Protein backbone atom coordinates (compact mmCIF):
# COMPACT_ATOMS: atom_id res chain seq x y z
CA MET A 1 110.68 27.60 -119.66
CA ASN A 2 109.66 31.41 -120.40
CA LYS A 3 112.06 32.58 -118.20
CA TRP A 4 115.03 30.31 -120.09
CA LEU A 5 113.86 31.99 -123.25
CA ILE A 6 113.75 35.93 -122.33
CA VAL A 7 117.39 34.87 -121.22
CA PHE A 8 118.08 32.89 -124.30
CA SER A 9 116.72 35.98 -126.61
CA VAL A 10 118.36 39.18 -125.24
CA PHE A 11 122.21 36.58 -125.14
CA ALA A 12 121.05 36.19 -129.03
CA PHE A 13 120.01 40.35 -129.30
CA LEU A 14 123.42 41.56 -128.04
CA SER A 15 126.01 39.07 -129.81
CA CYS A 16 123.99 39.89 -132.70
CA LEU A 17 125.05 43.55 -131.51
CA VAL A 18 128.69 42.92 -130.33
CA PHE A 19 129.56 40.92 -133.42
CA ASN A 20 127.62 43.86 -136.30
CA SER A 21 129.28 46.92 -133.98
CA CYS A 22 132.66 45.46 -134.93
CA LYS A 23 132.74 45.43 -138.33
CA LYS A 24 136.18 45.85 -139.55
CA GLU A 25 136.33 48.90 -141.76
CA GLU A 26 138.44 48.33 -144.94
CA ASN A 27 141.92 49.70 -145.14
CA PHE A 28 143.50 50.99 -148.62
CA PRO A 29 146.08 52.79 -149.13
CA VAL A 30 146.35 56.74 -149.42
CA VAL A 31 146.81 56.70 -153.05
CA PRO A 32 144.23 56.35 -154.69
CA VAL A 33 143.93 53.73 -156.75
CA ILE A 34 140.99 53.07 -159.73
CA SER A 35 139.76 51.01 -162.37
CA PHE A 36 138.42 51.45 -165.70
CA ASN A 37 134.37 50.91 -165.42
CA GLU A 38 132.42 51.47 -169.13
CA PHE A 39 132.87 53.71 -171.52
CA LYS A 40 129.42 54.82 -173.63
CA LYS A 41 128.97 56.39 -176.14
CA TYR A 42 125.24 58.29 -176.95
CA GLY A 43 125.85 58.26 -181.19
CA SER A 44 128.39 61.18 -181.89
CA ASP A 45 127.16 63.62 -180.13
CA SER A 46 129.16 62.95 -176.13
CA ALA A 47 129.68 59.56 -174.28
CA THR A 48 130.59 59.06 -171.00
CA CYS A 49 132.96 57.78 -168.93
CA THR A 50 132.67 55.78 -166.04
CA ILE A 51 135.61 54.42 -162.80
CA ASN A 52 136.15 52.79 -159.60
CA PHE A 53 138.53 54.40 -156.94
CA THR A 54 139.65 53.39 -153.96
CA ASP A 55 141.02 56.00 -151.28
CA GLY A 56 142.50 55.24 -147.82
CA ASP A 57 142.47 58.97 -146.40
CA GLY A 58 139.02 59.16 -148.30
CA ASP A 59 140.50 62.77 -149.25
CA ILE A 60 138.86 62.68 -152.73
CA GLY A 61 137.52 65.91 -154.45
CA LEU A 62 138.03 69.22 -153.97
CA ASP A 63 134.90 72.37 -152.58
CA GLN A 64 134.31 75.15 -155.04
CA LEU A 65 136.65 77.36 -152.82
CA ASP A 66 139.30 74.93 -153.00
CA THR A 67 141.07 77.45 -155.51
CA VAL A 68 144.03 78.93 -154.35
CA ALA A 69 147.72 77.23 -154.28
CA PRO A 70 147.97 74.52 -155.08
CA PHE A 71 144.48 74.70 -156.53
CA ASN A 72 144.83 76.98 -158.41
CA LEU A 73 143.54 77.26 -162.05
CA GLN A 74 147.26 78.27 -163.43
CA SER A 75 148.37 74.34 -161.11
CA LYS A 76 147.61 71.36 -163.23
CA TYR A 77 145.74 70.40 -159.96
CA TYR A 78 143.39 72.65 -160.64
CA TYR A 79 141.17 69.65 -162.31
CA ASN A 80 141.47 65.88 -160.30
CA LEU A 81 140.39 64.20 -163.15
CA TYR A 82 142.19 63.78 -166.35
CA LEU A 83 141.27 61.90 -169.58
CA VAL A 84 144.58 61.92 -172.25
CA TYR A 85 143.17 61.36 -175.67
CA TYR A 86 145.41 58.70 -177.12
CA PHE A 87 144.89 57.37 -181.20
CA LYS A 88 146.31 55.04 -183.06
CA ASP A 89 149.40 55.38 -185.35
CA THR A 90 148.79 53.02 -188.40
CA LEU A 91 152.07 53.76 -190.07
CA THR A 92 154.00 52.23 -186.36
CA ASN A 93 151.24 51.02 -184.92
CA THR A 94 151.77 52.13 -181.76
CA TRP A 95 148.65 54.51 -179.56
CA GLU A 96 149.96 58.04 -179.54
CA PRO A 97 149.15 61.71 -177.49
CA TYR A 98 146.81 63.12 -180.26
CA ASP A 99 148.76 66.90 -180.31
CA THR A 100 146.53 69.53 -180.97
CA LYS A 101 148.99 72.22 -182.03
CA PRO A 102 151.14 69.70 -184.71
CA THR A 103 152.65 72.95 -185.79
CA THR A 104 154.95 74.04 -182.76
CA SER A 105 158.15 72.35 -180.90
CA LYS A 106 155.82 71.61 -177.72
CA ILE A 107 153.57 68.69 -177.62
CA ASP A 108 149.70 69.89 -176.65
CA THR A 109 148.17 66.95 -175.59
CA LEU A 110 144.16 66.58 -176.33
CA GLN A 111 142.79 66.60 -172.14
CA TYR A 112 139.43 65.79 -170.50
CA ALA A 113 139.92 68.16 -167.37
CA TYR A 114 137.54 67.20 -164.67
CA ARG A 115 137.16 69.15 -161.27
CA ILE A 116 135.68 65.96 -159.44
CA PRO A 117 133.58 67.52 -156.24
CA ASN A 118 134.90 66.78 -152.24
CA LEU A 119 133.45 63.27 -151.68
CA THR A 120 134.33 63.13 -148.25
CA GLN A 121 130.61 63.61 -146.40
CA ASN A 122 130.82 64.94 -142.47
CA GLY A 123 131.15 61.84 -140.11
CA GLN A 124 133.22 59.41 -142.51
CA LYS A 125 135.94 57.63 -141.25
CA ASN A 126 139.41 57.00 -143.55
CA SER A 127 138.68 55.30 -146.25
CA LEU A 128 135.95 55.41 -149.38
CA GLN A 129 135.42 54.11 -152.16
CA GLY A 130 132.45 54.76 -155.29
CA THR A 131 132.34 55.01 -159.23
CA ILE A 132 132.65 58.60 -160.91
CA LYS A 133 131.06 58.56 -163.65
CA VAL A 134 131.97 62.32 -165.91
CA ARG A 135 130.01 63.12 -169.35
CA LEU A 136 132.08 64.29 -172.44
CA ASN A 137 130.61 66.62 -175.12
CA ALA A 138 131.59 66.21 -178.72
CA PRO A 139 133.84 66.01 -180.40
CA TYR A 140 135.26 63.09 -177.91
CA SER A 141 136.47 61.79 -180.07
CA ILE A 142 138.91 63.25 -183.13
CA PRO A 143 137.30 63.09 -186.98
CA GLY A 144 139.45 60.21 -189.16
CA GLN A 145 140.95 58.16 -186.35
CA LYS A 146 139.47 54.92 -186.40
CA SER A 147 140.35 54.53 -183.11
CA PHE A 148 140.77 55.63 -179.76
CA LEU A 149 141.05 54.76 -176.21
CA PHE A 150 142.20 57.06 -172.97
CA LYS A 151 144.70 57.25 -170.42
CA ILE A 152 143.13 58.71 -167.03
CA VAL A 153 143.94 59.38 -163.64
CA LEU A 154 142.96 61.20 -159.87
CA ILE A 155 143.85 63.10 -157.35
CA ASP A 156 143.30 63.60 -154.21
CA ARG A 157 144.00 66.68 -152.23
CA ALA A 158 147.03 65.44 -150.37
CA LEU A 159 148.48 65.72 -154.20
CA HIS A 160 148.46 61.10 -154.32
CA ILE A 161 148.20 60.34 -158.00
CA SER A 162 146.71 57.27 -158.58
CA ASN A 163 147.49 54.26 -160.77
CA GLU A 164 147.05 54.70 -164.64
CA VAL A 165 144.17 52.85 -166.44
CA SER A 166 143.30 53.40 -169.94
CA THR A 167 139.74 52.39 -171.60
CA GLY A 168 141.24 50.24 -174.17
CA PRO A 169 140.60 50.88 -177.52
CA LEU A 170 137.50 52.70 -178.95
CA SER A 171 136.24 53.45 -182.03
CA PRO A 172 134.25 56.68 -183.27
């Protein structure tokens, strides 16, 4: 009877080992997909914005030495996370990007740009999912605006641009 208990125990252990080693890796699209998580204000002097992301080829983030084209300082790919400021136009009741230089003919929108560090860990397989939290320093909103929001995009190292998400209406 003891012999059968040992055989059963070994069989159960091997079965568990086989089933756990066959754990299927999640597959995500190679283009990053983001979703808004949270916008948290800390008085009027700072805030944090948190997004969730998935990426099928796991190439989110840049190394400090990623500074040659297309990641050079003059390129839009130097930064890989953008939060673009929109305000509620009370006359048209629409969301408009805030123009930081209204006296020029070219619109220069207010945006916060970040260089997210390389999130790929050594030995990592392909897919990657997680949360990114960034801090916005004062002023994170325009004085006099009653309502604002941010539209957010994430860019991976293959220059895939994620979907655009919105924080939804926020108050200063």
